[in-house]
Every structure is written in structure tokens, then in C-alpha cells.
Amino acid sequence: MDLYPLIEKKISRLAELEHELGKSGFFSNTAYARQTLREHACTKHLVKTWQTLLDTRRRIAEDREFVDSTDREIAELALAEIAVLESDEECLEREVRLGLLPPVVGEGRDAIVEIRAGTGGLEAALFAADLHRMYYRYSETNGIKMETMDISESELGGIKEVTFKMSGEVVFRRLRYESGVHRVQRVPATETQGRIHTSTATVAVLPEAQEVDIEILPQDLRIEVCRAGGPGGQGVNTTDSAVQVLHIPTGKIVRCQDGRSQQQNKERALQILRSRLLEEKRREEEKKYSAHRKNLIGSGGREEKIRTYNFPQNRVTDHRIGLTLYNLDRFIEGEIRELIEALQNRDLEERVKQSF
């Protein structure tokens, strides 16, 4: 496909954006300014990459003129440089094609992550706690800030349910493929006969939503306050600080009790509700993709079994792309980057195939 017409539109759009940035009062609307600055940065990077691609192609053409040189040394140098440049050309062209794709809803956002213990009782809650720690370790080594919004703990250090926010550079783009059912196979701490059990936990990764993304009408909400439950601590079980929000049109319920005050819990609950509604909107967009792509990556629903963690074999397998790694001991400690990048690359390849 000829990319020139699409690139010409991007170049024109870049000029429009730069004109917009120069207007007086541009920053008076912070939400609009943030969105425009983000688009400007992405468009500028795309145009720069395109120019680098054209320069690489020019250098390849120049080197090919020396391949048939009578000077053997010059010919060999030209061939060696062509091999390097052609590899660069392939990467640059792929990056340009990706830059021309329409963005996924919320792709550049921070993420709100929800983990819930699934089948398996106490062992499922322990596994949910392991996943929570895994993402915490990952955030520590990748410049991501992690903030717990609400948590419900179980016995022996397990977690029934936890919601936390991950903030950093394009966090949702990196972690969106973690949504689904995670399955663990191991001997539980409570097992006395050494038998391997299978348990599950569900993970949902939501793009952080803002008020401008999703409009929530006051009459569509039913907000209730009650006394927080769980382990003792400052304020817990002593004040009516827990907040439960029901979104009447969708029936979605969010409960927060981990904040210091009723107001803070209400704000967190509304933030989670907006993110869930935005995720629902994103999932509708996902349905526009082909069935082939959905079979490869899945829709990210909690009902889909996406990964198995087999402790006896030190194995982690992602069922969507058929990738197996034998480093579960390090993977569960946050070294998940290799699998995340493999999922990103497969998804992006399919998007490129469908769009061009």
C-alpha cells in the first residue's frame, strides 16, 4: 500500500497542531491542551520516523551502486552496510505503519487494575496476593507508581479482591493484555498430602477515565455509606467511611473503604466506576476487529483463561500466543516484560495486517 497520501495528511495535521499550540490561551482548557499536546507529540514522532525511513532508503540506493564495483573491498563494505540498512528499513516501515493506525481507546492512559480471587478458596486468595506482588515488583523496576485504592484481605496473607492504580508512561498500553483468567497449578500451603491443585484469579486492566470521557449523571447514582470492615487500624471500624456506589443504568457497583475519609472513598469509587464504563466502551471498539485477531489475542474479558502458572515445572504459558517460558520463579517476581512485549508485537502485527 502506498503510504504517501496518509503521510501527507499527517504532515498537514502536524502544521495544524503547531498552529493550535501557538494560540494565546491554549492552556486555559487543560484537558484539551493535554489531548492536543499528546497528539502533537505522536504526530511529530511519526513524521520524523518517516523522514528517517526515506533517508535510509536513499542510502540503500546509493550503496547498491557500489555493489558491482571492481574494487572488491568497496563492494563488500557496500553489501555489509545494505544488510544493516535493510534491517533498519524494515523496523522503520513497521513503526510508520503502526503510527498510522487509529489509536485504541485509552491506549496512552494510566491503568486501574482489579484482581479477584477465583475458584480455589483460600489458595485462590493466596494466588491473587502473588499476582498483586508480581505487578508491584514489575512497577518497581519499570518506573511505574502503584497506589492501592481498595483491598479486601483473607487469611494467611491472601487477597479476596484488590483495586490499584498504576501510573507512568503509557501504562495501559503495556498492561492491557493482562486482563483475563490467570490459572495456577501448585501444591497449596494448606495441602498436607503434597497434591497439586488448580486455582484461578481474575485480572481486569482498565484505562483510567476522566470526567470528560464518561458523563455520569447524579440521578443515575445511588450512593450509600457504611462502617468499614476488615482488620483494625486508624479509623477502620470506628467511622462510617466506606462508600458503595451503584450506577443504576448499568447495575455496576463499586465499593471503597481503604481511603482515609468518606469523601476520599467516594472519589475513588467514582474513578473506578468511570474506568469500568470506559473499558466497556473500549470493548465495544474491540468487537470491530476481525475474528482472526480476537482468536489470537482475545478480547481481554475476565471469562477468558489467558495464562497458566505451573510451579512444579517452573513454567508459565500464555495460551493466546502459545508462548511458554521456563522462568516462573523470576516471572512471579515481576520479570514479565518479555511476555508483555510478545503480546504487544503479535497484536500490533495483526492490526497492521487488517489496516493496510
Protein backbone atom coordinates (compact mmCIF):
# COMPACT_ATOMS: atom_id res chain seq x y z
CA MET A 1 0.00 0.00 0.00
CA ASP A 2 1.20 3.49 -0.88
CA LEU A 3 1.76 5.33 2.41
CA TYR A 4 2.47 8.74 0.86
CA PRO A 5 -1.16 10.03 0.87
CA LEU A 6 -1.57 9.05 4.53
CA ILE A 7 1.74 10.66 5.47
CA GLU A 8 0.80 13.85 3.64
CA LYS A 9 -2.33 14.09 5.78
CA LYS A 10 -0.23 13.64 8.92
CA ILE A 11 2.18 16.37 7.81
CA SER A 12 -0.75 18.72 7.24
CA ARG A 13 -2.20 17.75 10.60
CA LEU A 14 1.14 18.48 12.29
CA ALA A 15 1.09 22.01 10.87
CA GLU A 16 -2.47 22.49 12.18
CA LEU A 17 -1.48 21.27 15.64
CA GLU A 18 1.57 23.54 15.80
CA HIS A 19 -0.63 26.48 14.84
CA GLU A 20 -3.07 25.47 17.60
CA LEU A 21 -0.27 25.27 20.18
CA GLY A 22 0.76 28.83 19.34
CA LYS A 23 -2.62 30.36 20.10
CA SER A 24 -2.96 32.58 23.16
CA GLY A 25 -4.99 30.98 25.92
CA PHE A 26 -4.20 27.49 24.65
CA PHE A 27 -3.67 26.17 28.18
CA SER A 28 -6.90 27.67 29.56
CA ASN A 29 -8.61 24.33 28.87
CA THR A 30 -6.23 21.85 30.49
CA ALA A 31 -7.99 18.72 29.26
CA TYR A 32 -7.99 19.94 25.65
CA ALA A 33 -4.39 21.13 25.96
CA ARG A 34 -3.26 17.75 27.30
CA GLN A 35 -5.00 15.88 24.49
CA THR A 36 -3.62 18.23 21.81
CA LEU A 37 -0.07 18.04 23.18
CA ARG A 38 -0.26 14.24 23.18
CA GLU A 39 -1.48 14.19 19.57
CA HIS A 40 1.22 16.68 18.55
CA ALA A 41 3.98 14.58 20.12
CA CYS A 42 2.77 11.38 18.42
CA THR A 43 2.30 13.06 15.03
CA LYS A 44 5.70 14.76 15.19
CA HIS A 45 7.37 11.45 16.06
CA LEU A 46 5.61 9.73 13.14
CA VAL A 47 6.70 12.39 10.63
CA LYS A 48 10.29 12.24 11.94
CA THR A 49 10.30 8.44 11.63
CA TRP A 50 9.01 8.72 8.06
CA GLN A 51 11.80 11.12 7.18
CA THR A 52 14.36 8.74 8.68
CA LEU A 53 12.84 5.92 6.62
CA LEU A 54 13.20 7.94 3.41
CA ASP A 55 16.82 8.75 4.29
CA THR A 56 17.53 5.05 4.93
CA ARG A 57 16.06 4.09 1.56
CA ARG A 58 18.19 6.75 -0.13
CA ARG A 59 21.35 5.36 1.49
CA ILE A 60 20.43 1.82 0.41
CA ALA A 61 20.04 3.01 -3.20
CA GLU A 62 23.41 4.75 -3.05
CA ASP A 63 25.16 1.68 -1.64
CA ARG A 64 23.70 -0.56 -4.34
CA GLU A 65 25.59 1.46 -6.93
CA PHE A 66 28.83 0.22 -5.35
CA VAL A 67 27.88 -3.47 -5.17
CA ASP A 68 29.14 -4.10 -8.69
CA SER A 69 32.32 -2.10 -8.14
CA THR A 70 35.55 -3.62 -9.46
CA ASP A 71 37.06 -2.77 -6.09
CA ARG A 72 36.20 -5.89 -4.08
CA GLU A 73 36.70 -4.21 -0.72
CA ILE A 74 34.27 -1.39 -1.58
CA ALA A 75 31.71 -3.90 -2.86
CA GLU A 76 31.90 -5.94 0.36
CA LEU A 77 31.56 -2.83 2.52
CA ALA A 78 28.51 -1.78 0.49
CA LEU A 79 26.88 -5.21 0.90
CA ALA A 80 27.51 -5.18 4.66
CA GLU A 81 26.02 -1.73 5.05
CA ILE A 82 23.00 -2.64 2.90
CA ALA A 83 22.25 -5.59 5.20
CA VAL A 84 22.21 -3.28 8.23
CA LEU A 85 20.20 -0.58 6.48
CA GLU A 86 17.61 -3.03 5.17
CA SER A 87 17.05 -4.27 8.73
CA ASP A 88 16.63 -0.65 9.84
CA GLU A 89 14.27 -0.03 6.91
CA GLU A 90 12.03 -2.93 7.95
CA CYS A 91 11.80 -1.65 11.55
CA LEU A 92 11.17 1.93 10.47
CA GLU A 93 8.46 0.97 7.98
CA ARG A 94 6.75 -1.12 10.65
CA GLU A 95 6.89 1.81 13.08
CA VAL A 96 5.39 4.14 10.46
CA ARG A 97 2.55 1.72 9.74
CA LEU A 98 1.83 1.39 13.45
CA GLY A 99 1.85 5.17 13.80
CA LEU A 100 -0.79 5.44 11.10
CA LEU A 101 -3.17 3.08 12.89
CA PRO A 102 -6.13 4.60 14.74
CA PRO A 103 -5.40 4.61 18.48
CA VAL A 104 -7.10 2.17 20.84
CA VAL A 105 -9.43 3.85 23.33
CA GLY A 106 -7.40 4.87 26.38
CA GLU A 107 -4.13 3.49 25.00
CA GLY A 108 -1.95 6.26 26.41
CA ARG A 109 -3.62 6.31 29.84
CA ASP A 110 -2.66 5.17 33.29
CA ALA A 111 -4.33 1.94 34.36
CA ILE A 112 -6.66 0.82 37.11
CA VAL A 113 -6.12 -2.87 37.87
CA GLU A 114 -8.57 -5.14 39.66
CA ILE A 115 -7.58 -8.61 40.91
CA ARG A 116 -10.13 -11.03 42.37
CA ALA A 117 -9.65 -14.50 43.81
CA GLY A 118 -11.47 -17.07 41.67
CA THR A 119 -12.05 -20.79 42.12
CA GLY A 120 -9.90 -22.50 44.71
CA GLY A 121 -10.90 -20.97 48.05
CA LEU A 122 -8.01 -19.92 50.27
CA GLU A 123 -5.41 -20.96 47.69
CA ALA A 124 -7.05 -18.70 45.09
CA ALA A 125 -6.76 -15.79 47.52
CA LEU A 126 -3.06 -16.58 48.06
CA PHE A 127 -2.56 -16.65 44.29
CA ALA A 128 -4.33 -13.29 43.95
CA ALA A 129 -1.85 -11.92 46.50
CA ASP A 130 1.02 -13.36 44.43
CA LEU A 131 -0.27 -11.59 41.31
CA HIS A 132 -0.62 -8.34 43.25
CA ARG A 133 3.00 -8.63 44.38
CA MET A 134 4.09 -9.56 40.84
CA TYR A 135 2.69 -6.30 39.42
CA TYR A 136 4.18 -4.38 42.33
CA ARG A 137 7.64 -5.80 41.58
CA TYR A 138 7.16 -5.00 37.90
CA SER A 139 6.22 -1.42 38.71
CA GLU A 140 9.30 -1.00 40.92
CA THR A 141 11.70 -1.82 38.08
CA ASN A 142 9.83 -0.02 35.28
CA GLY A 143 9.28 3.47 36.67
CA ILE A 144 5.60 2.92 37.46
CA LYS A 145 3.86 4.33 40.51
CA MET A 146 1.42 1.93 42.17
CA GLU A 147 -1.32 3.13 44.53
CA THR A 148 -3.78 0.83 46.31
CA MET A 149 -7.35 2.11 46.03
CA ASP A 150 -9.22 -0.65 47.85
CA ILE A 151 -8.32 -4.08 49.24
CA SER A 152 -10.11 -6.96 50.94
CA GLU A 153 -7.73 -9.42 52.56
CA SER A 154 -8.20 -13.05 53.59
CA GLU A 155 -6.44 -15.45 55.92
CA LEU A 156 -2.73 -16.35 55.64
CA GLY A 157 -1.93 -13.15 53.74
CA GLY A 158 -4.26 -13.83 50.83
CA ILE A 159 -6.37 -11.27 48.96
CA LYS A 160 -10.05 -11.67 48.14
CA GLU A 161 -10.10 -8.55 45.98
CA VAL A 162 -7.80 -5.58 45.37
CA THR A 163 -8.02 -2.48 43.18
CA PHE A 164 -4.96 -0.34 42.49
CA LYS A 165 -3.83 2.40 40.14
CA MET A 166 -0.64 2.17 38.06
CA SER A 167 0.73 5.49 36.81
CA GLY A 168 3.54 6.04 34.32
CA GLU A 169 4.31 6.23 30.61
CA VAL A 170 1.55 4.53 28.55
CA VAL A 171 0.85 2.04 31.36
CA PHE A 172 -2.46 0.83 29.92
CA ARG A 173 -0.82 0.09 26.57
CA ARG A 174 1.74 -2.08 28.36
CA LEU A 175 -0.60 -3.95 30.70
CA ARG A 176 -3.91 -4.20 28.85
CA TYR A 177 -3.20 -7.80 27.80
CA GLU A 178 -3.12 -8.92 31.44
CA SER A 179 -6.93 -8.93 31.59
CA GLY A 180 -8.45 -12.39 31.89
CA VAL A 181 -8.33 -15.57 33.98
CA HIS A 182 -4.92 -16.49 35.40
CA ARG A 183 -4.60 -20.15 36.42
CA VAL A 184 -2.11 -21.56 38.91
CA GLN A 185 -1.04 -25.19 39.35
CA ARG A 186 0.92 -25.94 42.53
CA VAL A 187 0.85 -27.63 45.92
CA PRO A 188 -1.06 -25.22 48.22
CA ALA A 189 0.34 -24.22 51.59
CA THR A 190 -2.72 -25.87 53.17
CA GLU A 191 -2.21 -29.22 51.35
CA THR A 192 -0.94 -31.97 53.67
CA GLN A 193 -0.57 -34.80 51.12
CA GLY A 194 1.51 -32.99 48.51
CA ARG A 195 -1.17 -32.96 45.81
CA ILE A 196 -1.13 -30.34 43.06
CA HIS A 197 -4.22 -28.14 42.98
CA THR A 198 -5.53 -25.82 40.28
CA SER A 199 -6.87 -22.40 41.28
CA THR A 200 -7.66 -19.18 39.47
CA ALA A 201 -7.74 -15.42 39.88
CA THR A 202 -9.21 -12.84 37.52
CA VAL A 203 -7.42 -9.68 36.43
CA ALA A 204 -9.06 -6.65 34.82
CA VAL A 205 -6.89 -3.81 33.49
CA LEU A 206 -8.93 -0.66 32.84
CA PRO A 207 -7.80 2.60 31.19
CA GLU A 208 -8.06 5.42 33.72
CA ALA A 209 -11.10 7.50 32.86
CA GLN A 210 -11.67 11.20 33.40
CA GLU A 211 -14.87 13.16 33.71
CA VAL A 212 -14.58 14.35 30.10
CA ASP A 213 -14.56 10.71 28.89
CA ILE A 214 -17.67 9.45 30.63
CA GLU A 215 -20.58 11.59 31.77
CA ILE A 216 -22.22 10.26 34.92
CA LEU A 217 -25.46 11.97 35.86
CA PRO A 218 -26.15 12.43 39.59
CA GLN A 219 -29.65 10.95 39.19
CA ASP A 220 -28.06 7.76 37.81
CA LEU A 221 -26.19 7.11 41.06
CA ARG A 222 -27.23 5.59 44.36
CA ILE A 223 -24.56 6.27 46.98
CA GLU A 224 -24.58 4.56 50.37
CA VAL A 225 -22.17 4.89 53.28
CA CYS A 226 -21.46 2.31 55.95
CA ARG A 227 -18.88 1.29 58.51
CA ALA A 228 -15.68 -0.09 57.02
CA GLY A 229 -14.88 -3.72 57.70
CA GLY A 230 -11.69 -5.74 57.85
CA PRO A 231 -8.60 -5.59 60.08
CA GLY A 232 -8.38 -2.81 62.65
CA GLY A 233 -6.41 0.35 62.16
CA GLN A 234 -6.72 4.09 62.04
CA GLY A 235 -10.37 4.90 61.59
CA VAL A 236 -11.38 1.41 60.39
CA ASN A 237 -14.50 0.06 62.14
CA THR A 238 -14.90 3.36 64.02
CA THR A 239 -16.47 5.67 61.43
CA ASP A 240 -18.95 5.38 58.57
CA SER A 241 -16.25 5.90 55.93
CA ALA A 242 -16.92 3.06 53.49
CA VAL A 243 -18.78 4.12 50.33
CA GLN A 244 -20.80 2.00 47.91
CA VAL A 245 -21.84 3.46 44.56
CA LEU A 246 -24.49 1.88 42.33
CA HIS A 247 -24.70 3.02 38.70
CA ILE A 248 -28.39 2.46 38.06
CA PRO A 249 -28.36 2.30 34.19
CA THR A 250 -25.74 -0.47 34.09
CA GLY A 251 -26.15 -2.06 37.51
CA LYS A 252 -22.42 -1.70 38.20
CA ILE A 253 -21.49 -1.49 41.88
CA VAL A 254 -18.24 -0.13 43.30
CA ARG A 255 -17.33 -0.22 46.98
CA CYS A 256 -14.35 1.57 48.54
CA GLN A 257 -13.28 1.56 52.16
CA ASP A 258 -9.49 1.83 52.09
CA GLY A 259 -9.33 5.63 51.96
CA ARG A 260 -8.86 7.86 54.99
CA SER A 261 -12.25 9.55 54.67
CA GLN A 262 -15.73 9.13 53.26
CA GLN A 263 -15.01 11.80 50.62
CA GLN A 264 -11.81 10.10 49.50
CA ASN A 265 -13.59 6.75 49.21
CA LYS A 266 -16.38 8.38 47.20
CA GLU A 267 -13.89 9.95 44.78
CA ARG A 268 -12.06 6.65 44.36
CA ALA A 269 -15.30 4.75 43.80
CA LEU A 270 -16.39 7.21 41.09
CA GLN A 271 -12.95 7.00 39.47
CA ILE A 272 -13.19 3.19 39.34
CA LEU A 273 -16.77 3.40 38.01
CA ARG A 274 -15.71 5.76 35.20
CA SER A 275 -12.86 3.45 34.27
CA ARG A 276 -15.18 0.44 34.14
CA LEU A 277 -17.58 2.33 31.89
CA LEU A 278 -14.71 3.47 29.65
CA GLU A 279 -13.46 -0.12 29.47
CA GLU A 280 -16.92 -1.19 28.36
CA LYS A 281 -16.71 1.41 25.61
CA ARG A 282 -13.25 0.12 24.64
CA ARG A 283 -14.54 -3.45 24.49
CA GLU A 284 -17.21 -2.33 22.04
CA GLU A 285 -14.43 -0.93 19.85
CA GLU A 286 -12.58 -4.25 20.12
CA LYS A 287 -15.56 -6.00 18.55
CA LYS A 288 -14.82 -4.14 15.32
CA TYR A 289 -11.61 -6.14 14.94
CA SER A 290 -11.70 -9.35 12.92
CA ALA A 291 -12.50 -12.73 14.44
CA HIS A 292 -8.98 -13.84 13.48
CA ARG A 293 -7.41 -11.23 15.73
CA LYS A 294 -9.81 -11.99 18.55
CA ASN A 295 -8.82 -15.66 18.39
CA LEU A 296 -5.15 -14.72 18.68
CA ILE A 297 -5.25 -12.20 21.50
CA GLY A 298 -8.77 -12.42 22.86
CA SER A 299 -10.99 -9.61 23.96
CA GLY A 300 -9.44 -9.27 27.40
CA GLY A 301 -12.54 -10.48 29.20
CA ARG A 302 -12.38 -11.91 32.68
CA GLU A 303 -14.00 -15.10 31.41
CA GLU A 304 -11.04 -15.98 29.20
CA LYS A 305 -8.29 -18.25 30.53
CA ILE A 306 -5.20 -16.47 29.29
CA ARG A 307 -2.27 -17.89 31.25
CA THR A 308 -1.15 -20.86 33.35
CA TYR A 309 1.46 -20.66 36.12
CA ASN A 310 2.82 -24.19 36.73
CA PHE A 311 5.09 -24.12 39.78
CA PRO A 312 6.31 -27.78 39.75
CA GLN A 313 7.69 -27.27 36.21
CA ASN A 314 8.74 -23.62 36.79
CA ARG A 315 6.66 -22.88 33.69
CA VAL A 316 4.41 -20.01 32.61
CA THR A 317 2.35 -20.41 29.43
CA ASP A 318 0.32 -17.74 27.66
CA HIS A 319 -2.41 -19.60 25.80
CA ARG A 320 -3.28 -16.75 23.41
CA ILE A 321 0.01 -16.81 21.55
CA GLY A 322 1.27 -20.25 22.59
CA LEU A 323 4.37 -18.89 24.32
CA THR A 324 5.93 -20.90 27.16
CA LEU A 325 8.72 -19.62 29.41
CA TYR A 326 10.59 -21.70 31.95
CA ASN A 327 11.38 -18.89 34.38
CA LEU A 328 8.29 -18.79 36.58
CA ASP A 329 10.42 -18.22 39.69
CA ARG A 330 11.56 -14.87 38.20
CA PHE A 331 8.32 -14.16 36.33
CA ILE A 332 6.23 -14.20 39.51
CA GLU A 333 8.71 -11.71 41.00
CA GLY A 334 7.87 -9.15 38.32
CA GLU A 335 10.07 -10.11 35.35
CA ILE A 336 7.11 -10.14 32.97
CA ARG A 337 8.44 -7.76 30.31
CA GLU A 338 9.35 -10.44 27.75
CA LEU A 339 5.81 -11.81 27.66
CA ILE A 340 4.22 -8.36 27.61
CA GLU A 341 6.33 -7.36 24.59
CA ALA A 342 5.49 -10.64 22.80
CA LEU A 343 1.77 -9.97 23.27
CA GLN A 344 2.15 -6.36 22.11
CA ASN A 345 4.06 -7.38 18.99
CA ARG A 346 1.55 -10.06 17.98
CA ASP A 347 -1.39 -7.71 18.48
CA LEU A 348 0.24 -4.86 16.56
CA GLU A 349 1.15 -7.18 13.68
CA GLU A 350 -2.49 -8.21 13.35
CA ARG A 351 -3.69 -4.61 13.48
CA VAL A 352 -1.26 -3.68 10.71
CA LYS A 353 -2.41 -6.60 8.52
CA GLN A 354 -6.04 -5.57 8.88
CA SER A 355 -5.47 -1.89 8.21
CA PHE A 356 -3.20 -1.99 5.16
